[in-house]
Protein backbone atom coordinates (compact mmCIF):
# COMPACT_ATOMS: atom_id res chain seq x y z
CA UNK A 1 35.81 -6.41 36.59
CA UNK A 2 32.40 -7.71 35.96
CA UNK A 3 30.69 -4.37 37.21
CA UNK A 4 33.13 -2.28 35.02
CA UNK A 5 32.27 -4.01 31.96
CA UNK A 6 28.36 -4.00 32.37
CA UNK A 7 28.49 -0.42 33.63
CA UNK A 8 30.51 0.88 30.75
CA UNK A 9 27.80 -0.59 28.30
CA UNK A 10 24.98 0.48 30.53
CA UNK A 11 26.08 4.02 29.97
CA UNK A 12 25.89 3.39 26.14
CA UNK A 13 22.45 2.22 26.74
CA UNK A 14 21.44 5.67 28.36
CA UNK A 15 23.33 7.84 25.91
CA UNK A 16 22.62 5.99 22.62
CA UNK A 17 19.12 4.67 23.37
CA UNK A 18 20.09 1.14 22.91
CA UNK A 19 17.53 -1.46 24.30
CA UNK A 20 18.73 -2.96 27.57
CA UNK A 21 17.51 -6.35 26.64
CA UNK A 22 19.29 -6.17 23.23
CA UNK A 23 22.58 -5.32 24.90
CA UNK A 24 22.12 -8.07 27.47
CA UNK A 25 21.78 -10.48 24.74
CA UNK A 26 24.99 -9.32 22.90
CA UNK A 27 26.84 -9.64 26.13
CA UNK A 28 25.47 -13.23 26.63
CA UNK A 29 26.53 -14.08 22.98
CA UNK A 30 30.00 -12.59 23.51
CA UNK A 31 30.81 -14.23 26.68
CA UNK A 32 29.50 -17.46 25.51
CA UNK A 33 31.93 -17.17 22.77
CA UNK A 34 34.75 -16.58 25.25
CA UNK A 35 33.54 -19.73 27.12
CA UNK A 36 33.72 -21.87 23.90
CA UNK A 37 37.23 -20.48 23.08
CA UNK A 38 38.45 -21.67 26.56
CA UNK A 39 36.59 -24.88 27.14
CA UNK A 40 35.77 -25.95 23.44
CA UNK A 41 32.74 -25.92 21.33
CA UNK A 42 31.19 -28.86 23.27
CA UNK A 43 31.21 -27.07 26.51
CA UNK A 44 27.89 -26.64 28.22
CA UNK A 45 27.44 -23.32 29.99
CA UNK A 46 25.12 -20.50 30.97
CA UNK A 47 25.87 -16.67 30.85
CA UNK A 48 23.70 -14.58 33.15
CA UNK A 49 23.70 -10.75 32.62
CA UNK A 50 22.01 -8.63 35.30
CA UNK A 51 21.93 -5.08 33.89
CA UNK A 52 20.59 -3.72 37.19
CA UNK A 53 23.23 -4.91 39.43
CA UNK A 54 26.00 -4.55 36.82
CA UNK A 55 26.94 -8.14 37.04
CA UNK A 56 27.96 -11.03 34.62
CA UNK A 57 27.91 -14.58 35.82
CA UNK A 58 29.21 -17.55 33.96
CA UNK A 59 28.35 -21.11 34.92
CA UNK A 60 30.19 -24.03 33.45
CA UNK A 61 28.32 -27.34 33.76
CA UNK A 62 30.37 -30.82 33.76
CA UNK A 63 29.73 -34.34 34.17
CA UNK A 64 30.99 -36.12 37.33
CA UNK A 65 33.25 -39.11 36.31
CA UNK A 66 35.58 -41.74 37.88
CA UNK A 67 38.36 -40.76 35.39
CA UNK A 68 38.32 -37.65 33.25
CA UNK A 69 38.75 -37.96 29.42
CA UNK A 70 37.66 -34.64 28.44
CA UNK A 71 38.31 -31.83 31.07
CA UNK A 72 36.14 -29.42 29.27
CA UNK A 73 33.02 -31.53 29.74
CA UNK A 74 33.98 -33.70 32.70
CA UNK A 75 35.25 -33.34 36.09
CA UNK A 76 36.50 -36.23 38.57
CA UNK A 77 34.62 -37.22 41.67
CA UNK A 78 37.80 -36.49 43.52
CA UNK A 79 38.15 -32.94 42.24
CA UNK A 80 34.46 -32.33 43.22
CA UNK A 81 35.08 -33.64 46.64
CA UNK A 82 38.24 -31.59 47.12
CA UNK A 83 36.20 -28.42 46.10
CA UNK A 84 33.70 -29.28 48.92
CA UNK A 85 30.85 -31.48 47.73
CA UNK A 86 28.11 -30.07 50.06
CA UNK A 87 25.48 -31.39 47.87
CA UNK A 88 26.83 -34.98 48.08
CA UNK A 89 26.91 -35.38 44.42
CA UNK A 90 28.01 -38.75 42.93
CA UNK A 91 29.37 -40.12 39.65
CA UNK A 92 26.93 -39.48 36.82
CA UNK A 93 25.62 -36.22 38.29
CA UNK A 94 26.10 -32.83 36.67
CA UNK A 95 28.44 -30.37 38.52
CA UNK A 96 27.86 -26.71 37.92
CA UNK A 97 30.78 -24.20 38.73
CA UNK A 98 30.87 -20.48 38.54
CA UNK A 99 33.67 -19.24 36.38
CA UNK A 100 35.39 -16.06 37.22
CA UNK A 101 36.06 -13.73 34.30
CA UNK A 102 39.69 -13.41 35.47
CA UNK A 103 40.16 -17.15 34.95
CA UNK A 104 39.35 -16.64 31.21
CA UNK A 105 42.65 -14.73 30.85
CA UNK A 106 43.32 -11.11 30.05
CA UNK A 107 43.56 -11.70 26.21
CA UNK A 108 40.04 -13.11 26.06
CA UNK A 109 38.57 -10.49 28.17
CA UNK A 110 40.19 -7.92 25.86
CA UNK A 111 38.87 -9.71 22.86
CA UNK A 112 35.31 -9.59 24.41
CA UNK A 113 35.64 -5.93 25.01
CA UNK A 114 36.59 -5.46 21.27
CA UNK A 115 33.86 -7.72 20.04
CA UNK A 116 31.26 -5.74 22.10
CA UNK A 117 32.44 -2.46 20.80
CA UNK A 118 32.28 -3.64 17.22
CA UNK A 119 28.73 -5.06 17.93
CA UNK A 120 27.60 -1.93 19.60
CA UNK A 121 28.87 0.19 16.68
CA UNK A 122 26.80 -1.88 14.31
CA UNK A 123 23.89 -1.77 16.45
CA UNK A 124 24.17 2.02 16.68
CA UNK A 125 24.30 2.25 12.77
CA UNK A 126 21.09 0.02 12.68
CA UNK A 127 19.46 2.36 15.23
CA UNK A 128 20.23 5.39 12.89
CA UNK A 129 19.11 3.53 9.80
CA UNK A 130 15.74 2.43 11.37
CA UNK A 131 15.21 6.00 12.83
CA UNK A 132 15.54 7.63 9.36
CA UNK A 133 13.51 5.02 7.63
CA UNK A 134 10.64 6.00 9.75
CA UNK A 135 11.24 9.62 8.81
CA UNK A 136 11.21 8.94 5.03
CA UNK A 137 9.18 11.63 3.33
CA UNK A 138 9.10 13.87 6.36
CA UNK A 139 10.68 17.22 6.92
CA UNK A 140 13.78 17.48 9.21
CA UNK A 141 15.44 20.54 10.25
CA UNK A 142 19.31 20.63 10.60
CA UNK A 143 22.37 22.92 10.65
CA UNK A 144 24.67 23.22 7.64
CA UNK A 145 28.24 22.27 8.73
CA UNK A 146 30.20 21.55 5.66
CA UNK A 147 29.61 22.91 1.92
CA UNK A 148 31.32 20.65 -0.63
CA UNK A 149 31.59 20.71 -4.40
CA UNK A 150 28.79 18.25 -5.07
CA UNK A 151 26.85 18.10 -1.71
CA UNK A 152 26.19 19.67 1.58
CA UNK A 153 26.43 17.92 4.90
CA UNK A 154 23.85 18.75 7.54
CA UNK A 155 23.88 18.06 11.21
CA UNK A 156 20.59 16.59 12.62
CA UNK A 157 20.59 15.32 16.10
CA UNK A 158 24.26 14.54 15.86
CA UNK A 159 23.63 12.48 12.73
CA UNK A 160 24.98 13.40 9.29
CA UNK A 161 22.60 13.96 6.48
CA UNK A 162 23.53 14.62 2.92
CA UNK A 163 22.00 17.20 0.47
CA UNK A 164 23.21 16.41 -3.00
CA UNK A 165 23.57 19.08 -5.68
CA UNK A 166 20.64 17.27 -7.67
CA UNK A 167 18.44 17.68 -4.51
CA UNK A 168 19.20 21.31 -3.94
CA UNK A 169 17.12 24.30 -5.33
CA UNK A 170 19.20 25.86 -8.25
CA UNK A 171 20.84 29.00 -7.42
CA UNK A 172 19.87 28.98 -3.75
CA UNK A 173 22.74 30.23 -1.46
CA UNK A 174 23.86 28.04 1.46
CA UNK A 175 25.89 29.16 4.30
CA UNK A 176 27.73 27.14 6.98
CA UNK A 177 25.79 27.29 10.30
CA UNK A 178 22.38 27.99 8.67
CA UNK A 179 19.52 26.14 9.64
CA UNK A 180 17.96 24.27 6.67
CA UNK A 181 14.70 22.38 6.16
CA UNK A 182 14.44 19.36 3.72
CA UNK A 183 12.52 15.96 3.49
CA UNK A 184 14.07 12.60 4.10
CA UNK A 185 14.27 11.28 0.49
CA UNK A 186 16.46 8.08 0.75
CA UNK A 187 18.13 6.00 3.51
CA UNK A 188 20.93 3.59 2.09
CA UNK A 189 22.80 1.05 4.01
CA UNK A 190 26.71 1.01 3.43
CA UNK A 191 29.57 -0.78 4.88
CA UNK A 192 30.60 2.58 6.69
CA UNK A 193 27.11 3.07 8.14
CA UNK A 194 23.70 4.52 6.87
CA UNK A 195 23.70 7.31 4.34
CA UNK A 196 20.68 9.70 4.60
CA UNK A 197 19.93 11.60 1.63
CA UNK A 198 17.66 14.71 1.93
CA UNK A 199 15.94 16.93 -0.72
CA UNK A 200 14.62 20.48 -1.18
CA UNK A 201 13.85 19.90 -4.87
CA UNK A 202 11.58 16.92 -4.59
CA UNK A 203 7.71 17.45 -5.01
CA UNK A 204 7.22 15.79 -1.71
CA UNK A 205 8.95 18.70 -0.14
CA UNK A 206 6.49 21.13 -1.55
CA UNK A 207 3.64 19.04 -0.51
CA UNK A 208 4.82 18.90 3.06
CA UNK A 209 5.25 22.77 3.13
CA UNK A 210 1.56 22.94 2.12
CA UNK A 211 0.63 20.65 4.82
CA UNK A 212 2.40 22.86 7.40
CA UNK A 213 1.00 26.19 6.20
CA UNK A 214 -2.51 24.97 5.25
CA UNK A 215 -4.22 23.25 8.01
CA UNK A 216 -7.01 22.14 5.88
CA UNK A 217 -4.64 20.03 3.89
CA UNK A 218 -3.11 18.47 7.06
CA UNK A 219 -6.72 17.74 8.28
CA UNK A 220 -7.74 16.15 4.99
CA UNK A 221 -10.52 18.67 4.10
CA UNK A 222 -8.17 19.69 1.13
CA UNK A 223 -6.47 17.10 -1.08
CA UNK A 224 -3.33 17.87 -3.23
CA UNK A 225 -4.14 15.93 -6.37
CA UNK A 226 -0.82 16.53 -8.29
CA UNK A 227 2.20 18.53 -8.30
CA UNK A 228 4.47 19.69 -11.14
CA UNK A 229 7.71 21.59 -10.21
CA UNK A 230 10.85 23.00 -11.65
CA UNK A 231 12.59 23.70 -8.39
CA UNK A 232 13.49 27.31 -7.84
CA UNK A 233 11.53 28.55 -10.91
CA UNK A 234 7.85 27.62 -10.95
CA UNK A 235 5.42 25.08 -9.72
CA UNK A 236 1.79 24.18 -10.29
CA UNK A 237 -0.26 22.58 -7.48
CA UNK A 238 -3.68 20.97 -8.35
CA UNK A 239 -5.92 21.04 -5.07
CA UNK A 240 -9.70 19.75 -4.45
CA UNK A 241 -11.87 20.33 -1.36
CA UNK A 242 -14.01 17.58 0.11
CA UNK A 243 -16.06 20.35 1.56
CA UNK A 244 -18.06 22.36 -0.74
CA UNK A 245 -18.00 25.17 1.61
CA UNK A 246 -14.36 25.58 1.53
CA UNK A 247 -12.55 27.02 -1.51
CA UNK A 248 -9.45 24.90 -1.99
CA UNK A 249 -7.41 27.53 -3.93
CA UNK A 250 -8.38 30.37 -1.46
CA UNK A 251 -7.44 28.37 1.57
CA UNK A 252 -4.06 27.46 0.08
CA UNK A 253 -3.42 31.20 -0.88
CA UNK A 254 -4.56 32.45 2.52
CA UNK A 255 -5.77 35.80 3.56
CA UNK A 256 -3.62 38.41 1.56
CA UNK A 257 -1.53 35.44 0.31
CA UNK A 258 0.13 34.88 3.69
CA UNK A 259 0.12 31.16 3.29
CA UNK A 260 1.50 30.80 -0.22
CA UNK A 261 4.02 33.60 0.54
CA UNK A 262 5.54 31.54 3.39
CA UNK A 263 6.04 28.67 1.12
CA UNK A 264 7.49 30.85 -1.72
CA UNK A 265 10.05 32.42 0.64
CA UNK A 266 11.02 28.80 1.92
CA UNK A 267 11.51 27.92 -1.78
CA UNK A 268 13.91 30.70 -2.83
CA UNK A 269 10.98 32.73 -4.37
CA UNK A 270 9.84 29.89 -6.56
CA UNK A 271 6.51 30.96 -8.34
CA UNK A 272 3.52 28.74 -7.34
CA UNK A 273 0.28 28.50 -9.22
CA UNK A 274 -2.53 26.80 -7.19
CA UNK A 275 -5.29 25.60 -9.52
CA UNK A 276 -8.53 23.75 -8.86
CA UNK A 277 -8.44 20.08 -9.86
CA UNK A 278 -10.95 18.52 -12.14
CA UNK A 279 -11.81 15.00 -13.35
CA UNK A 280 -12.67 16.60 -16.72
CA UNK A 281 -9.16 16.42 -18.61
CA UNK A 282 -10.18 19.25 -20.82
CA UNK A 283 -11.15 21.55 -18.09
CA UNK A 284 -8.21 20.62 -16.00
CA UNK A 285 -5.78 21.20 -19.01
CA UNK A 286 -7.47 24.61 -19.49
CA UNK A 287 -6.93 25.47 -15.84
CA UNK A 288 -3.30 24.20 -15.98
CA UNK A 289 -2.56 26.51 -18.93
CA UNK A 290 -4.32 29.77 -17.45
CA UNK A 291 -4.34 32.53 -17.75
CA UNK A 292 -3.82 31.78 -21.41
CA UNK A 293 -7.05 31.88 -23.35
CA UNK A 294 -7.79 28.73 -25.40
CA UNK A 295 -10.24 28.45 -28.40
CA UNK A 296 -10.68 24.70 -28.18
CA UNK A 297 -9.20 21.46 -26.72
CA UNK A 298 -9.42 18.02 -28.27
CA UNK A 299 -8.80 15.10 -25.78
CA UNK A 300 -7.55 11.66 -26.64
CA UNK A 301 -7.83 9.92 -23.20
CA UNK A 302 -6.57 6.66 -24.42
CA UNK A 303 -3.08 8.00 -25.77
CA UNK A 304 -3.14 10.81 -22.95
CA UNK A 305 -2.79 13.44 -25.68
CA UNK A 306 -4.60 16.91 -26.04
CA UNK A 307 -4.55 19.24 -28.89
CA UNK A 308 -5.00 22.90 -27.94
CA UNK A 309 -6.09 25.60 -30.38
CA UNK A 310 -5.30 29.29 -29.39
CA UNK A 311 -4.92 32.58 -31.06
CA UNK A 312 -1.21 33.40 -32.05
CA UNK A 313 -1.19 36.04 -29.48
CA UNK A 314 -1.87 33.44 -26.64
CA UNK A 315 0.77 30.87 -27.67
CA UNK A 316 3.74 32.57 -25.86
CA UNK A 317 1.70 32.61 -22.69
CA UNK A 318 0.74 28.98 -23.04
CA UNK A 319 4.28 27.97 -23.61
CA UNK A 320 5.74 30.29 -20.90
CA UNK A 321 9.38 31.46 -20.64
CA UNK A 322 11.74 28.80 -21.87
CA UNK A 323 8.80 26.43 -22.29
CA UNK A 324 8.34 26.12 -18.47
CA UNK A 325 4.40 26.71 -18.34
CA UNK A 326 3.60 24.21 -20.86
CA UNK A 327 6.01 21.46 -19.39
CA UNK A 328 4.53 21.89 -16.06
CA UNK A 329 1.03 21.67 -17.39
CA UNK A 330 1.99 18.35 -19.03
CA UNK A 331 3.38 17.05 -15.80
CA UNK A 332 0.51 18.24 -13.72
CA UNK A 333 -2.26 16.80 -16.00
CA UNK A 334 -0.40 13.64 -17.23
CA UNK A 335 -1.31 14.64 -20.85
CA UNK A 336 0.93 15.47 -23.82
CA UNK A 337 -0.18 18.86 -25.13
CA UNK A 338 0.18 19.79 -28.67
CA UNK A 339 -0.49 23.76 -29.63
CA UNK A 340 -2.24 24.59 -32.99
CA UNK A 341 -1.64 28.35 -33.55
CA UNK A 342 -4.44 30.46 -35.16
CA UNK A 343 -3.84 33.85 -36.56
CA UNK A 344 -5.85 36.43 -34.67
CA UNK A 345 -8.06 38.78 -36.79
CA UNK A 346 -6.55 42.19 -36.92
CA UNK A 347 -9.60 43.85 -35.72
CA UNK A 348 -9.46 41.94 -32.58
CA UNK A 349 -6.15 43.56 -31.43
CA UNK A 350 -7.08 46.03 -28.86
CA UNK A 351 -3.95 48.20 -29.21
CA UNK A 352 -1.70 49.13 -32.12
CA UNK A 353 2.01 49.54 -31.74
CA UNK A 354 3.98 52.59 -33.28
CA UNK A 355 6.49 51.49 -35.69
CA UNK A 356 9.28 53.59 -34.10
CA UNK A 357 8.83 51.44 -30.93
CA UNK A 358 10.01 48.34 -32.91
CA UNK A 359 12.88 50.12 -34.56
CA UNK A 360 15.40 48.12 -32.50
CA UNK A 361 13.86 44.77 -33.20
CA UNK A 362 13.34 45.40 -36.88
CA UNK A 363 16.68 47.16 -37.57
CA UNK A 364 17.15 50.81 -38.57
CA UNK A 365 17.39 49.99 -42.43
CA UNK A 366 14.06 48.14 -42.45
CA UNK A 367 12.29 50.78 -40.24
CA UNK A 368 13.46 53.43 -42.62
CA UNK A 369 12.17 51.63 -45.49
CA UNK A 370 8.68 50.95 -43.97
CA UNK A 371 8.32 54.50 -42.91
CA UNK A 372 9.21 55.78 -46.38
CA UNK A 373 6.52 53.47 -47.74
CA UNK A 374 3.93 55.18 -45.40
CA UNK A 375 3.72 52.40 -42.83
CA UNK A 376 3.58 54.05 -39.48
CA UNK A 377 2.21 51.35 -37.11
CA UNK A 378 2.63 47.57 -36.60
CA UNK A 379 -0.97 46.89 -37.56
CA UNK A 380 -0.62 48.78 -40.91
CA UNK A 381 2.08 46.31 -41.79
CA UNK A 382 0.14 43.23 -40.72
CA UNK A 383 -2.91 44.25 -42.66
CA UNK A 384 -0.74 44.98 -45.63
CA UNK A 385 0.38 41.30 -45.59
CA UNK A 386 2.86 39.68 -47.85
CA UNK A 387 1.32 40.79 -51.21
CA UNK A 388 1.44 44.56 -50.38
CA UNK A 389 4.84 44.41 -48.82
CA UNK A 390 6.20 42.58 -51.91
CA UNK A 391 5.69 46.00 -53.87
CA UNK A 392 8.63 47.37 -51.76
CA UNK A 393 11.65 46.43 -54.04
CA UNK A 394 14.05 46.19 -51.07
CA UNK A 395 12.20 43.28 -49.61
CA UNK A 396 12.28 39.71 -50.78
CA UNK A 397 9.98 36.96 -49.50
CA UNK A 398 12.29 35.89 -46.74
CA UNK A 399 12.76 39.48 -45.28
CA UNK A 400 8.81 40.00 -45.60
CA UNK A 401 8.40 36.82 -43.58
CA UNK A 402 10.94 37.77 -40.88
CA UNK A 403 9.38 41.16 -40.49
CA UNK A 404 5.92 39.82 -40.05
CA UNK A 405 7.20 37.31 -37.51
CA UNK A 406 8.84 40.02 -35.42
CA UNK A 407 5.80 42.25 -35.47
CA UNK A 408 3.58 39.40 -34.56
CA UNK A 409 5.68 38.35 -31.66
CA UNK A 410 5.57 41.92 -30.41
CA UNK A 411 1.75 41.67 -30.25
CA UNK A 412 1.96 38.49 -28.45
CA UNK A 413 4.23 39.96 -25.72
CA UNK A 414 1.98 42.88 -25.40
CA UNK A 415 -0.88 40.47 -24.67
């Protein structure tokens, strides 16, 4: 029976990677508990586990007395002599006796097996927890095995990882059986075992991808100073080289864009802007808002605020679609950015727009009225301004303002 018990758990050592000494200690604790259950809490004993031999030995130590008052801690000299007193022990000496597991009773041995199984399950949970604690912030590769409403379950080395909806790249399609990459974002202990949360939306995932694709980052020659990201749509990454001979942005983009394209593909075609970092807030903000052209930047370092002045035709580029460009620039630089819009002198517009091209935006009625009043291009309307347009009886102040805004917005889009 001894060998069967030790061998069954030695197999767990091999399969689960449980430390042999730890398992030996657990066995000693559990069989010590059995001895105390049978012989009482005051029993003196020793449990010896030999993992190599596959053996458990239990030794009970009792005092030799003339008359026994407590059989759990005492044994009579007559009983000792009857057992064969080869060492010629006397009253007052200690008698050490080897206890067979079978003598503990089947119920206690079954209890031992149940207790050991429970402790090993807890130990296995701790091993998994500690393993993934070590992997926090690192990329893992697993296989999708279940897609649920609010999360996706991933199989990684026979362990379950959870990719919540909030950590997924929006609009990315996932299929059962596909291989997926993500970073270990959080490891939580629960009553049912560790819960490992992974992420593809975290900024750190983007950073790790850069480290994989750009050896100079992994080697520390290029440093990622900050990242701003709206997963699946756009990201800005500020980089700096510690070696003047190496262009940080060029190294990250790679020959013909091969490095950055590999990252973009992994992130479901997320647009990535790589820019040079600067300690100068004004220059850093200017680079973060590129390719928009700024006229001036006023910095308040104490309040972390910046006021940017730009021509009206540059504002839409500064803001970006749905405001994504300026939001990312603020996250990247750590500055709250305010835009002051200046009207661009008409003579600086490089191209005019035929009014017929704006017929849909203006509306057929407004278009016909402008044409009938000899306005053939967008610039002609802008140069006329509100005062001249007021001469057209069909237009009131509100309609004139609306027309001018529509035309100005078209010039901004053209830019």
